[in-house]
């Protein structure tokens, strides 16, 4: 059989060479890559702008917080100082022996006995245990005070009381007498009754 060649009038065929096909495909792919790179570039620019605005906002907030802290540093220090003092006061009040009412009781006991007696020292703790030192200018006043200390009127203020030391001393060339007592006060409501 012989092959017949026919002429096709409706179909247009062109012979293109390989270089022109490669050039066309290169342009097509270059256009696609260029479009992708352009879109990526736009996305990067948008991301950079939003990141810069976030950093700027965060920097402004940081500046405001630093300014606020620097302005309120004194107030914070004062608040801390106040809270420390409040805690110290609570501790003090918990361990406080209510010194003044007991000192007043002891001081008020001096005039009925003698006018020359003075309280030199007085200690009292939370459990109402006490020590006090009373001085006198002359022997007669000291003697009257010792008699007064033995009276019910004075002893009703104490659970226990004892004279621990008696001494004679000279202060500035003047003789004086000292009595050192130890004991325990009654609780204040019982003393007031």
C-alpha atoms as a PDB file:
ATOM      1  CA  UNK A   1       0.000   0.000   0.000  1.00  0.00           C
ATOM      2  CA  UNK A   2       0.940   3.267  -0.761  1.00  0.00           C
ATOM      3  CA  UNK A   3       0.481   6.060   1.539  1.00  0.00           C
ATOM      4  CA  UNK A   4      -1.470   8.929   0.304  1.00  0.00           C
ATOM      5  CA  UNK A   5      -0.941  12.381   1.413  1.00  0.00           C
ATOM      6  CA  UNK A   6      -3.863  14.514   1.882  1.00  0.00           C
ATOM      7  CA  UNK A   7      -4.148  18.104   2.169  1.00  0.00           C
ATOM      8  CA  UNK A   8      -6.025  19.410   5.162  1.00  0.00           C
ATOM      9  CA  UNK A   9      -7.426  22.821   4.515  1.00  0.00           C
ATOM     10  CA  UNK A  10      -9.069  23.276   7.880  1.00  0.00           C
ATOM     11  CA  UNK A  11      -6.182  22.464  10.139  1.00  0.00           C
ATOM     12  CA  UNK A  12      -3.399  24.941  10.366  1.00  0.00           C
ATOM     13  CA  UNK A  13      -0.097  23.353  11.235  1.00  0.00           C
ATOM     14  CA  UNK A  14       3.006  25.262  11.687  1.00  0.00           C
ATOM     15  CA  UNK A  15       6.396  23.990  12.192  1.00  0.00           C
ATOM     16  CA  UNK A  16       8.044  25.812  14.993  1.00  0.00           C
ATOM     17  CA  UNK A  17      11.485  25.224  16.020  1.00  0.00           C
ATOM     18  CA  UNK A  18      12.531  24.084  19.449  1.00  0.00           C
ATOM     19  CA  UNK A  19      14.174  27.363  20.400  1.00  0.00           C
ATOM     20  CA  UNK A  20      11.035  29.358  19.924  1.00  0.00           C
ATOM     21  CA  UNK A  21       9.057  26.836  22.020  1.00  0.00           C
ATOM     22  CA  UNK A  22      11.643  27.055  24.810  1.00  0.00           C
ATOM     23  CA  UNK A  23      11.591  30.850  24.600  1.00  0.00           C
ATOM     24  CA  UNK A  24       7.795  30.880  24.916  1.00  0.00           C
ATOM     25  CA  UNK A  25       7.831  28.501  27.904  1.00  0.00           C
ATOM     26  CA  UNK A  26      10.629  30.506  29.541  1.00  0.00           C
ATOM     27  CA  UNK A  27       8.583  33.689  29.235  1.00  0.00           C
ATOM     28  CA  UNK A  28       5.503  31.908  30.625  1.00  0.00           C
ATOM     29  CA  UNK A  29       7.324  30.431  33.624  1.00  0.00           C
ATOM     30  CA  UNK A  30       9.257  33.647  34.230  1.00  0.00           C
ATOM     31  CA  UNK A  31       5.962  35.518  34.341  1.00  0.00           C
ATOM     32  CA  UNK A  32       4.535  33.044  36.881  1.00  0.00           C
ATOM     33  CA  UNK A  33       7.697  33.192  39.049  1.00  0.00           C
ATOM     34  CA  UNK A  34       7.710  36.984  38.794  1.00  0.00           C
ATOM     35  CA  UNK A  35       4.055  37.140  39.889  1.00  0.00           C
ATOM     36  CA  UNK A  36       4.762  34.807  42.837  1.00  0.00           C
ATOM     37  CA  UNK A  37       7.789  36.889  43.854  1.00  0.00           C
ATOM     38  CA  UNK A  38       5.738  40.088  43.549  1.00  0.00           C
ATOM     39  CA  UNK A  39       2.991  38.641  45.787  1.00  0.00           C
ATOM     40  CA  UNK A  40       5.652  37.438  48.280  1.00  0.00           C
ATOM     41  CA  UNK A  41       7.228  40.895  48.252  1.00  0.00           C
ATOM     42  CA  UNK A  42       3.863  42.543  48.956  1.00  0.00           C
ATOM     43  CA  UNK A  43       3.183  40.049  51.788  1.00  0.00           C
ATOM     44  CA  UNK A  44       6.631  40.762  53.305  1.00  0.00           C
ATOM     45  CA  UNK A  45       6.027  44.493  53.148  1.00  0.00           C
ATOM     46  CA  UNK A  46       2.636  44.103  54.887  1.00  0.00           C
ATOM     47  CA  UNK A  47       4.193  41.841  57.562  1.00  0.00           C
ATOM     48  CA  UNK A  48       7.034  44.325  58.114  1.00  0.00           C
ATOM     49  CA  UNK A  49       4.605  47.222  58.490  1.00  0.00           C
ATOM     50  CA  UNK A  50       2.386  45.340  60.981  1.00  0.00           C
ATOM     51  CA  UNK A  51       5.415  44.112  62.944  1.00  0.00           C
ATOM     52  CA  UNK A  52       6.821  47.639  63.106  1.00  0.00           C
ATOM     53  CA  UNK A  53       3.489  48.987  64.345  1.00  0.00           C
ATOM     54  CA  UNK A  54       3.314  46.261  67.015  1.00  0.00           C
ATOM     55  CA  UNK A  55       6.894  47.004  68.112  1.00  0.00           C
ATOM     56  CA  UNK A  56       6.103  50.720  68.205  1.00  0.00           C
ATOM     57  CA  UNK A  57       2.975  50.082  70.301  1.00  0.00           C
ATOM     58  CA  UNK A  58       4.904  47.794  72.665  1.00  0.00           C
ATOM     59  CA  UNK A  59       7.669  50.385  73.001  1.00  0.00           C
ATOM     60  CA  UNK A  60       5.131  53.090  73.852  1.00  0.00           C
ATOM     61  CA  UNK A  61       3.500  50.834  76.464  1.00  0.00           C
ATOM     62  CA  UNK A  62       6.909  50.037  77.929  1.00  0.00           C
ATOM     63  CA  UNK A  63       7.761  53.743  78.157  1.00  0.00           C
ATOM     64  CA  UNK A  64       4.423  54.431  79.872  1.00  0.00           C
ATOM     65  CA  UNK A  65       4.964  51.600  82.366  1.00  0.00           C
ATOM     66  CA  UNK A  66       8.517  52.706  83.146  1.00  0.00           C
ATOM     67  CA  UNK A  67       7.284  56.272  83.642  1.00  0.00           C
ATOM     68  CA  UNK A  68       4.449  55.043  85.871  1.00  0.00           C
ATOM     69  CA  UNK A  69       6.847  52.944  87.947  1.00  0.00           C
ATOM     70  CA  UNK A  70       9.312  55.804  88.323  1.00  0.00           C
ATOM     71  CA  UNK A  71       6.523  58.185  89.368  1.00  0.00           C
ATOM     72  CA  UNK A  72       5.058  55.702  91.841  1.00  0.00           C
ATOM     73  CA  UNK A  73       8.348  54.401  93.242  1.00  0.00           C
ATOM     74  CA  UNK A  74       8.028  56.732  96.231  1.00  0.00           C
ATOM     75  CA  UNK A  75       4.449  55.665  96.882  1.00  0.00           C
ATOM     76  CA  UNK A  76       5.472  52.019  96.645  1.00  0.00           C
ATOM     77  CA  UNK A  77       8.341  52.588  99.070  1.00  0.00           C
ATOM     78  CA  UNK A  78       6.019  54.384 101.469  1.00  0.00           C
ATOM     79  CA  UNK A  79       3.473  51.571 101.227  1.00  0.00           C
ATOM     80  CA  UNK A  80       6.167  48.982 101.899  1.00  0.00           C
ATOM     81  CA  UNK A  81       7.432  51.026 104.859  1.00  0.00           C
ATOM     82  CA  UNK A  82       3.889  51.377 106.211  1.00  0.00           C
ATOM     83  CA  UNK A  83       3.250  47.625 105.928  1.00  0.00           C
ATOM     84  CA  UNK A  84       6.516  46.850 107.727  1.00  0.00           C
ATOM     85  CA  UNK A  85       5.638  49.256 110.528  1.00  0.00           C
ATOM     86  CA  UNK A  86       2.150  47.763 110.734  1.00  0.00           C
ATOM     87  CA  UNK A  87       3.666  44.283 111.152  1.00  0.00           C
ATOM     88  CA  UNK A  88       6.069  45.610 113.787  1.00  0.00           C
ATOM     89  CA  UNK A  89       3.172  47.216 115.649  1.00  0.00           C
ATOM     90  CA  UNK A  90       1.191  43.963 115.565  1.00  0.00           C
ATOM     91  CA  UNK A  91       4.204  42.113 116.974  1.00  0.00           C
ATOM     92  CA  UNK A  92       4.707  44.787 119.599  1.00  0.00           C
ATOM     93  CA  UNK A  93       1.060  44.760 120.651  1.00  0.00           C
ATOM     94  CA  UNK A  94       1.084  40.978 120.824  1.00  0.00           C
ATOM     95  CA  UNK A  95       4.075  41.096 123.197  1.00  0.00           C
ATOM     96  CA  UNK A  96       3.102  44.339 124.967  1.00  0.00           C
ATOM     97  CA  UNK A  97       2.735  44.179 128.733  1.00  0.00           C
ATOM     98  CA  UNK A  98       0.521  47.307 129.001  1.00  0.00           C
ATOM     99  CA  UNK A  99       3.230  49.033 131.030  1.00  0.00           C
ATOM    100  CA  UNK A 100       1.547  52.359 131.773  1.00  0.00           C
ATOM    101  CA  UNK A 101      -1.398  51.169 133.924  1.00  0.00           C
ATOM    102  CA  UNK A 102       0.923  49.063 136.081  1.00  0.00           C
ATOM    103  CA  UNK A 103       3.457  51.866 136.360  1.00  0.00           C
ATOM    104  CA  UNK A 104       0.626  54.193 137.414  1.00  0.00           C
ATOM    105  CA  UNK A 105      -0.469  51.714 140.070  1.00  0.00           C
ATOM    106  CA  UNK A 106       3.083  51.557 141.431  1.00  0.00           C
ATOM    107  CA  UNK A 107       3.585  55.315 141.235  1.00  0.00           C
ATOM    108  CA  UNK A 108       0.288  55.992 143.024  1.00  0.00           C
ATOM    109  CA  UNK A 109       1.409  53.679 145.823  1.00  0.00           C
ATOM    110  CA  UNK A 110       4.366  55.924 146.686  1.00  0.00           C
ATOM    111  CA  UNK A 111       2.686  59.078 148.126  1.00  0.00           C
ATOM    112  CA  UNK A 112       0.651  57.302 150.820  1.00  0.00           C
ATOM    113  CA  UNK A 113       3.870  55.867 152.204  1.00  0.00           C
ATOM    114  CA  UNK A 114       6.303  58.718 151.711  1.00  0.00           C
ATOM    115  CA  UNK A 115       6.933  61.745 149.576  1.00  0.00           C
ATOM    116  CA  UNK A 116      10.661  61.175 149.035  1.00  0.00           C
ATOM    117  CA  UNK A 117      10.398  57.783 147.321  1.00  0.00           C
ATOM    118  CA  UNK A 118      11.103  57.591 143.581  1.00  0.00           C
ATOM    119  CA  UNK A 119      10.899  54.760 141.112  1.00  0.00           C
ATOM    120  CA  UNK A 120      14.361  54.381 139.589  1.00  0.00           C
ATOM    121  CA  UNK A 121      13.671  51.423 137.305  1.00  0.00           C
ATOM    122  CA  UNK A 122      10.727  49.226 136.454  1.00  0.00           C
ATOM    123  CA  UNK A 123      10.432  46.236 134.157  1.00  0.00           C
ATOM    124  CA  UNK A 124       7.313  44.296 133.320  1.00  0.00           C
ATOM    125  CA  UNK A 125       6.813  41.521 130.800  1.00  0.00           C
ATOM    126  CA  UNK A 126       3.813  40.081 129.026  1.00  0.00           C
ATOM    127  CA  UNK A 127       3.088  37.644 131.826  1.00  0.00           C
ATOM    128  CA  UNK A 128       2.997  40.643 134.272  1.00  0.00           C
ATOM    129  CA  UNK A 129       6.220  39.587 136.032  1.00  0.00           C
ATOM    130  CA  UNK A 130       7.887  42.725 137.286  1.00  0.00           C
ATOM    131  CA  UNK A 131      11.026  44.120 138.852  1.00  0.00           C
ATOM    132  CA  UNK A 132      11.293  47.612 140.240  1.00  0.00           C
ATOM    133  CA  UNK A 133      13.851  49.633 142.162  1.00  0.00           C
ATOM    134  CA  UNK A 134      12.696  52.365 144.538  1.00  0.00           C
ATOM    135  CA  UNK A 135      15.095  54.874 146.105  1.00  0.00           C
ATOM    136  CA  UNK A 136      14.721  56.940 149.264  1.00  0.00           C
ATOM    137  CA  UNK A 137      16.584  59.912 150.642  1.00  0.00           C
ATOM    138  CA  UNK A 138      16.286  58.963 154.295  1.00  0.00           C
ATOM    139  CA  UNK A 139      15.865  55.891 156.399  1.00  0.00           C
ATOM    140  CA  UNK A 140      12.502  56.863 157.942  1.00  0.00           C
ATOM    141  CA  UNK A 141      10.826  57.181 154.538  1.00  0.00           C
ATOM    142  CA  UNK A 142      12.196  53.811 153.504  1.00  0.00           C
ATOM    143  CA  UNK A 143      10.956  52.252 156.729  1.00  0.00           C
ATOM    144  CA  UNK A 144       7.425  53.698 156.251  1.00  0.00           C
ATOM    145  CA  UNK A 145       7.379  52.402 152.663  1.00  0.00           C
ATOM    146  CA  UNK A 146       8.331  48.887 153.776  1.00  0.00           C
ATOM    147  CA  UNK A 147       5.396  48.915 156.219  1.00  0.00           C
ATOM    148  CA  UNK A 148       3.109  50.180 153.454  1.00  0.00           C
ATOM    149  CA  UNK A 149       4.298  47.444 151.075  1.00  0.00           C
ATOM    150  CA  UNK A 150       3.228  44.838 153.647  1.00  0.00           C
ATOM    151  CA  UNK A 151      -0.311  46.260 153.821  1.00  0.00           C
ATOM    152  CA  UNK A 152      -3.341  44.673 152.144  1.00  0.00           C
ATOM    153  CA  UNK A 153      -4.000  47.894 150.241  1.00  0.00           C
ATOM    154  CA  UNK A 154      -0.692  47.564 148.407  1.00  0.00           C
ATOM    155  CA  UNK A 155      -0.498  43.761 148.096  1.00  0.00           C
ATOM    156  CA  UNK A 156      -3.926  43.476 146.417  1.00  0.00           C
ATOM    157  CA  UNK A 157      -2.180  44.647 143.219  1.00  0.00           C
ATOM    158  CA  UNK A 158       0.209  41.668 143.165  1.00  0.00           C
ATOM    159  CA  UNK A 159      -0.029  37.907 142.887  1.00  0.00           C
ATOM    160  CA  UNK A 160       3.393  37.716 144.498  1.00  0.00           C
ATOM    161  CA  UNK A 161       5.971  40.238 145.652  1.00  0.00           C
ATOM    162  CA  UNK A 162       9.306  39.940 147.455  1.00  0.00           C
ATOM    163  CA  UNK A 163      12.100  42.261 148.437  1.00  0.00           C
ATOM    164  CA  UNK A 164      15.224  40.904 146.747  1.00  0.00           C
ATOM    165  CA  UNK A 165      17.814  43.550 147.609  1.00  0.00           C
ATOM    166  CA  UNK A 166      18.268  46.325 150.116  1.00  0.00           C
ATOM    167  CA  UNK A 167      21.243  48.648 149.661  1.00  0.00           C
ATOM    168  CA  UNK A 168      22.716  51.862 150.955  1.00  0.00           C
ATOM    169  CA  UNK A 169      24.346  54.113 148.379  1.00  0.00           C
ATOM    170  CA  UNK A 170      25.650  57.623 148.055  1.00  0.00           C
ATOM    171  CA  UNK A 171      24.615  59.805 145.150  1.00  0.00           C
ATOM    172  CA  UNK A 172      26.564  63.053 144.895  1.00  0.00           C
ATOM    173  CA  UNK A 173      27.567  62.980 148.550  1.00  0.00           C
ATOM    174  CA  UNK A 174      23.970  62.335 149.696  1.00  0.00           C
ATOM    175  CA  UNK A 175      23.066  59.043 151.349  1.00  0.00           C
ATOM    176  CA  UNK A 176      20.293  57.092 149.783  1.00  0.00           C
ATOM    177  CA  UNK A 177      18.564  53.781 150.214  1.00  0.00           C
ATOM    178  CA  UNK A 178      17.412  51.396 147.518  1.00  0.00           C
ATOM    179  CA  UNK A 179      14.858  48.611 147.634  1.00  0.00           C
ATOM    180  CA  UNK A 180      14.696  46.130 144.765  1.00  0.00           C
ATOM    181  CA  UNK A 181      11.445  44.160 144.429  1.00  0.00           C
ATOM    182  CA  UNK A 182      10.450  41.238 142.216  1.00  0.00           C
ATOM    183  CA  UNK A 183       6.956  39.884 141.781  1.00  0.00           C
ATOM    184  CA  UNK A 184       3.973  39.498 139.572  1.00  0.00           C
ATOM    185  CA  UNK A 185       1.126  41.967 139.103  1.00  0.00           C
ATOM    186  CA  UNK A 186      -2.478  40.886 139.129  1.00  0.00           C
ATOM    187  CA  UNK A 187      -4.212  41.224 135.759  1.00  0.00           C
ATOM    188  CA  UNK A 188      -5.468  44.730 135.216  1.00  0.00           C
ATOM    189  CA  UNK A 189      -9.255  44.022 135.451  1.00  0.00           C
ATOM    190  CA  UNK A 190      -8.698  42.464 138.864  1.00  0.00           C
ATOM    191  CA  UNK A 191      -6.565  45.435 139.916  1.00  0.00           C
ATOM    192  CA  UNK A 192      -9.231  47.944 138.829  1.00  0.00           C
ATOM    193  CA  UNK A 193     -11.997  46.161 140.807  1.00  0.00           C
END
